[in-house]
Amino acid sequence: MTETDTIQYAQIREYNFKEYFQKFQYNGKVISDDERKEFIKGLDESLAQYSEGLPLIKEGLDNYKDNDNDFLKAYRTALSVYLFVLITSIDCLVISKYFLLADKDYDKRFMRGKMKIILNEGFKKLYGFEKKTNKESEWNKLPNIIANCPENIKRQYRDLSERLEEHSKSSSWWKKVREAETHIVAEKLYESRCEEIIESKVMMDSVKLFSTLYAVQLFTTNVNAWFHNTTLKIYREQEARKA
């Protein structure tokens, strides 16, 4: 038995990304205390699951650091994009949790404002809003990598690119609120903080980014699975030649 015999090939899955880009309309629903508790419980479970993977990704990034091999450099880039998606998803979950937990009026308004920063900056860094921010985005790190992937991954990339482009133009992504919150523009900050708080609507805003990140997470999981499978195949071929 060789040292790679116990390592399994990863499955590359098919996804319908359309379901993660649905447009939701606020229907006047009020979150009950029981629903709030269930939301928070679900958020805690998701946070535990998401944070589990962080050390493994960091280990992978460290393993391929300063490596001159083009394949492994590309693998490291794919891992770095995955790390961004995971950390931003965790931040989105945390800010949603503490928005729901806030039991003082101004605390809740404050948490809503900080959520808007994550929603705007998160999508800006993920995909961008115009040519400049798109060029500097995490998504724009992938085209050269995807060019070497199999057709099913290329197709998923094209599908997601179209959806992300449409998403980038779907709204302002709370740009004005983000600017007021980040730069502490007092008058504008006061005005945004005074806007009526509708919990379920704020949570829908949070889902807009989280669902997008989840779709990209599924895709980058497939990309990393392809890298894993290709690496495993190379190692097994090398072991077979040595045998």
Protein backbone atom coordinates (compact mmCIF):
# COMPACT_ATOMS: atom_id res chain seq x y z
CA MET A 1 0.00 0.00 0.00
CA THR A 2 1.31 3.47 -0.92
CA GLU A 3 0.91 6.58 1.20
CA THR A 4 -1.80 7.99 -1.12
CA ASP A 5 -3.97 4.83 -1.20
CA THR A 6 -6.10 6.02 1.72
CA ILE A 7 -6.77 9.45 0.17
CA GLN A 8 -10.05 9.71 -1.70
CA TYR A 9 -10.81 11.67 -4.84
CA ALA A 10 -13.17 14.60 -4.19
CA GLN A 11 -16.54 14.80 -5.92
CA ILE A 12 -17.21 17.68 -8.30
CA ARG A 13 -20.90 18.53 -8.06
CA GLU A 14 -23.46 20.17 -10.31
CA TYR A 15 -25.34 23.15 -8.87
CA ASN A 16 -28.28 25.30 -9.88
CA PHE A 17 -26.84 28.69 -8.93
CA LYS A 18 -30.04 30.47 -9.90
CA GLU A 19 -31.64 29.64 -6.54
CA TYR A 20 -28.95 31.64 -4.68
CA PHE A 21 -29.70 34.84 -6.62
CA GLN A 22 -33.42 35.10 -6.09
CA LYS A 23 -34.92 38.53 -5.46
CA PHE A 24 -36.90 38.64 -2.24
CA GLN A 25 -39.60 41.19 -1.50
CA TYR A 26 -40.39 42.24 2.05
CA ASN A 27 -43.89 41.02 2.88
CA GLY A 28 -44.46 42.79 6.19
CA LYS A 29 -43.57 39.78 8.34
CA VAL A 30 -42.51 40.48 11.93
CA ILE A 31 -39.95 38.16 13.55
CA SER A 32 -41.35 36.59 16.72
CA ASP A 33 -39.25 35.90 19.82
CA ASP A 34 -39.30 32.16 19.09
CA GLU A 35 -38.21 32.74 15.49
CA ARG A 36 -35.42 35.01 16.71
CA LYS A 37 -34.16 32.28 19.02
CA GLU A 38 -34.27 29.75 16.19
CA PHE A 39 -32.42 32.14 13.87
CA ILE A 40 -29.69 32.67 16.46
CA LYS A 41 -29.41 28.94 17.12
CA GLY A 42 -29.06 28.29 13.39
CA LEU A 43 -26.48 31.06 13.06
CA ASP A 44 -24.41 29.58 15.90
CA GLU A 45 -24.49 26.16 14.25
CA SER A 46 -23.41 27.61 10.91
CA LEU A 47 -20.64 29.64 12.57
CA ALA A 48 -19.25 26.53 14.25
CA GLN A 49 -19.30 24.64 10.95
CA TYR A 50 -17.73 27.46 8.92
CA SER A 51 -14.98 28.30 11.40
CA GLU A 52 -13.90 24.64 11.57
CA GLY A 53 -12.42 24.83 8.08
CA LEU A 54 -10.29 27.95 8.59
CA PRO A 55 -7.16 26.23 10.02
CA LEU A 56 -7.11 23.66 7.19
CA ILE A 57 -7.24 26.37 4.52
CA LYS A 58 -4.48 28.34 6.26
CA GLU A 59 -2.40 25.16 6.42
CA GLY A 60 -2.86 24.66 2.68
CA LEU A 61 -1.87 28.26 1.98
CA ASP A 62 1.26 27.88 4.11
CA ASN A 63 2.20 24.62 2.40
CA TYR A 64 2.19 26.21 -1.05
CA LYS A 65 3.74 29.53 -0.03
CA ASP A 66 6.79 30.67 -2.05
CA ASN A 67 6.40 27.71 -4.41
CA ASP A 68 7.62 28.27 -7.98
CA ASN A 69 5.47 25.49 -9.45
CA ASP A 70 2.78 27.17 -11.60
CA PHE A 71 0.19 24.50 -10.79
CA LEU A 72 0.69 24.83 -7.02
CA LYS A 73 0.72 28.65 -7.26
CA ALA A 74 -2.65 28.45 -9.00
CA TYR A 75 -3.89 26.03 -6.33
CA ARG A 76 -2.83 28.53 -3.65
CA THR A 77 -4.72 31.33 -5.41
CA ALA A 78 -7.88 29.20 -5.50
CA LEU A 79 -7.46 28.49 -1.78
CA SER A 80 -7.01 32.20 -1.02
CA VAL A 81 -10.27 33.04 -2.82
CA TYR A 82 -12.00 30.29 -0.83
CA LEU A 83 -10.58 31.75 2.41
CA PHE A 84 -11.96 35.18 1.52
CA VAL A 85 -15.40 33.71 0.85
CA LEU A 86 -15.38 31.76 4.11
CA ILE A 87 -14.23 34.63 6.32
CA THR A 88 -16.66 37.11 4.76
CA SER A 89 -19.48 34.57 5.20
CA ILE A 90 -18.55 34.18 8.87
CA ASP A 91 -18.53 37.96 9.37
CA CYS A 92 -21.93 38.17 7.71
CA LEU A 93 -23.29 35.51 10.06
CA VAL A 94 -21.78 37.14 13.16
CA ILE A 95 -23.13 40.61 12.39
CA SER A 96 -26.58 39.09 11.73
CA LYS A 97 -26.45 37.25 15.04
CA TYR A 98 -25.59 40.33 17.08
CA PHE A 99 -28.14 42.44 15.23
CA LEU A 100 -30.81 39.97 16.34
CA LEU A 101 -29.41 39.78 19.88
CA ALA A 102 -29.31 43.57 20.38
CA ASP A 103 -32.10 44.49 22.79
CA LYS A 104 -31.53 48.24 23.02
CA ASP A 105 -32.80 50.51 20.26
CA TYR A 106 -29.56 52.30 19.48
CA ASP A 107 -27.54 49.08 19.77
CA LYS A 108 -29.72 47.57 17.06
CA ARG A 109 -29.35 50.66 14.86
CA PHE A 110 -25.58 50.54 15.32
CA MET A 111 -25.40 46.85 14.39
CA ARG A 112 -27.54 47.45 11.31
CA GLY A 113 -25.12 50.15 10.18
CA LYS A 114 -22.09 47.91 10.64
CA MET A 115 -23.87 45.16 8.71
CA LYS A 116 -24.22 47.49 5.73
CA ILE A 117 -20.42 47.94 5.70
CA ILE A 118 -19.93 44.18 5.39
CA LEU A 119 -22.63 43.89 2.73
CA ASN A 120 -21.14 46.64 0.59
CA GLU A 121 -17.44 45.90 1.10
CA GLY A 122 -18.04 42.16 0.93
CA PHE A 123 -19.56 42.26 -2.54
CA LYS A 124 -17.15 44.97 -3.68
CA LYS A 125 -14.20 42.74 -2.77
CA LEU A 126 -15.88 39.59 -4.09
CA TYR A 127 -16.85 40.90 -7.54
CA GLY A 128 -16.91 44.69 -7.64
CA PHE A 129 -19.33 47.28 -8.97
CA GLU A 130 -17.52 48.71 -11.98
CA LYS A 131 -14.41 48.06 -14.07
CA LYS A 132 -11.90 49.21 -11.42
CA THR A 133 -13.29 47.29 -8.47
CA ASN A 134 -13.97 44.24 -10.64
CA LYS A 135 -10.35 44.22 -11.78
CA GLU A 136 -9.19 44.21 -8.14
CA SER A 137 -11.77 41.63 -6.99
CA GLU A 138 -11.28 38.08 -5.76
CA TRP A 139 -13.37 36.82 -8.67
CA ASN A 140 -10.94 38.36 -11.13
CA LYS A 141 -8.14 36.18 -9.75
CA LEU A 142 -9.79 33.10 -11.22
CA PRO A 143 -9.99 33.37 -15.07
CA ASN A 144 -6.45 32.09 -15.76
CA ILE A 145 -7.01 29.23 -13.33
CA ILE A 146 -10.39 28.28 -14.77
CA ALA A 147 -8.89 28.14 -18.27
CA ASN A 148 -7.12 24.91 -17.27
CA CYS A 149 -10.15 23.33 -15.58
CA PRO A 150 -12.55 20.81 -17.18
CA GLU A 151 -15.58 22.04 -19.13
CA ASN A 152 -18.11 21.50 -16.34
CA ILE A 153 -16.20 23.92 -14.09
CA LYS A 154 -15.76 26.41 -16.95
CA ARG A 155 -19.52 26.30 -17.53
CA GLN A 156 -20.21 26.94 -13.85
CA TYR A 157 -17.78 29.85 -13.90
CA ARG A 158 -19.55 31.45 -16.88
CA ASP A 159 -22.92 30.95 -15.23
CA LEU A 160 -21.80 32.52 -11.95
CA SER A 161 -20.01 35.38 -13.71
CA GLU A 162 -23.24 36.38 -15.45
CA ARG A 163 -25.21 36.21 -12.21
CA LEU A 164 -22.59 38.20 -10.27
CA GLU A 165 -22.52 40.86 -12.98
CA GLU A 166 -26.29 41.21 -12.83
CA HIS A 167 -26.15 41.24 -9.03
CA SER A 168 -23.58 44.04 -9.05
CA LYS A 169 -26.10 46.27 -10.84
CA SER A 170 -29.15 45.19 -8.83
CA SER A 171 -28.84 48.00 -6.28
CA SER A 172 -26.38 50.43 -4.69
CA TRP A 173 -25.50 47.75 -2.12
CA TRP A 174 -25.96 50.35 0.64
CA LYS A 175 -23.01 52.43 -0.58
CA LYS A 176 -24.17 55.68 1.08
CA VAL A 177 -24.68 54.00 4.44
CA ARG A 178 -21.29 52.30 4.18
CA GLU A 179 -19.60 55.64 3.46
CA ALA A 180 -21.32 57.34 6.40
CA GLU A 181 -20.52 54.45 8.76
CA THR A 182 -16.90 54.01 7.64
CA HIS A 183 -15.94 57.69 7.50
CA ILE A 184 -18.19 58.78 10.41
CA VAL A 185 -20.01 61.44 8.42
CA ALA A 186 -22.04 62.59 11.40
CA GLU A 187 -25.12 64.13 9.75
CA LYS A 188 -25.55 61.32 7.22
CA LEU A 189 -24.79 58.77 9.91
CA TYR A 190 -27.50 60.21 12.12
CA GLU A 191 -30.01 60.16 9.26
CA SER A 192 -29.31 56.52 8.38
CA ARG A 193 -29.44 55.48 12.03
CA CYS A 194 -32.85 57.16 12.36
CA GLU A 195 -34.40 55.07 9.60
CA GLU A 196 -37.07 52.66 10.82
CA ILE A 197 -35.75 49.27 11.86
CA ILE A 198 -37.60 46.32 10.35
CA GLU A 199 -35.81 43.22 11.56
CA SER A 200 -36.98 40.81 8.90
CA LYS A 201 -36.09 43.29 6.13
CA VAL A 202 -32.59 43.80 7.56
CA MET A 203 -32.12 40.03 7.69
CA MET A 204 -33.22 39.79 4.04
CA ASP A 205 -30.52 42.34 3.20
CA SER A 206 -27.96 40.14 4.95
CA VAL A 207 -29.14 37.06 3.06
CA LYS A 208 -28.50 38.87 -0.25
CA LEU A 209 -24.75 38.77 0.38
CA PHE A 210 -24.63 35.49 2.28
CA SER A 211 -26.48 33.57 -0.46
CA THR A 212 -24.14 35.04 -3.07
CA LEU A 213 -21.12 34.01 -1.03
CA TYR A 214 -22.59 30.54 -0.56
CA ALA A 215 -22.95 30.08 -4.32
CA VAL A 216 -19.32 31.14 -4.81
CA GLN A 217 -18.27 28.86 -1.96
CA LEU A 218 -19.88 25.87 -3.69
CA PHE A 219 -18.12 26.77 -6.92
CA THR A 220 -14.69 27.28 -5.33
CA THR A 221 -15.15 23.98 -3.50
CA ASN A 222 -15.45 22.35 -6.94
CA VAL A 223 -12.35 24.20 -8.17
CA ASN A 224 -10.34 23.08 -5.15
CA ALA A 225 -11.69 19.54 -5.59
CA TRP A 226 -10.31 19.53 -9.14
CA PHE A 227 -6.90 20.70 -7.88
CA HIS A 228 -6.99 18.02 -5.17
CA ASN A 229 -7.89 15.29 -7.67
CA THR A 230 -5.24 16.40 -10.15
CA THR A 231 -2.56 16.52 -7.45
CA LEU A 232 -3.57 13.08 -6.15
CA LYS A 233 -3.48 11.64 -9.67
CA ILE A 234 0.04 13.03 -10.24
CA TYR A 235 1.31 11.57 -6.96
CA ARG A 236 -0.22 8.16 -7.70
CA GLU A 237 1.32 8.12 -11.16
CA GLN A 238 4.72 8.96 -9.65
CA GLU A 239 4.35 6.18 -7.05
CA ALA A 240 3.36 3.71 -9.76
CA ARG A 241 6.50 4.51 -11.74
CA LYS A 242 8.65 3.97 -8.66
CA ALA A 243 7.02 0.60 -7.88
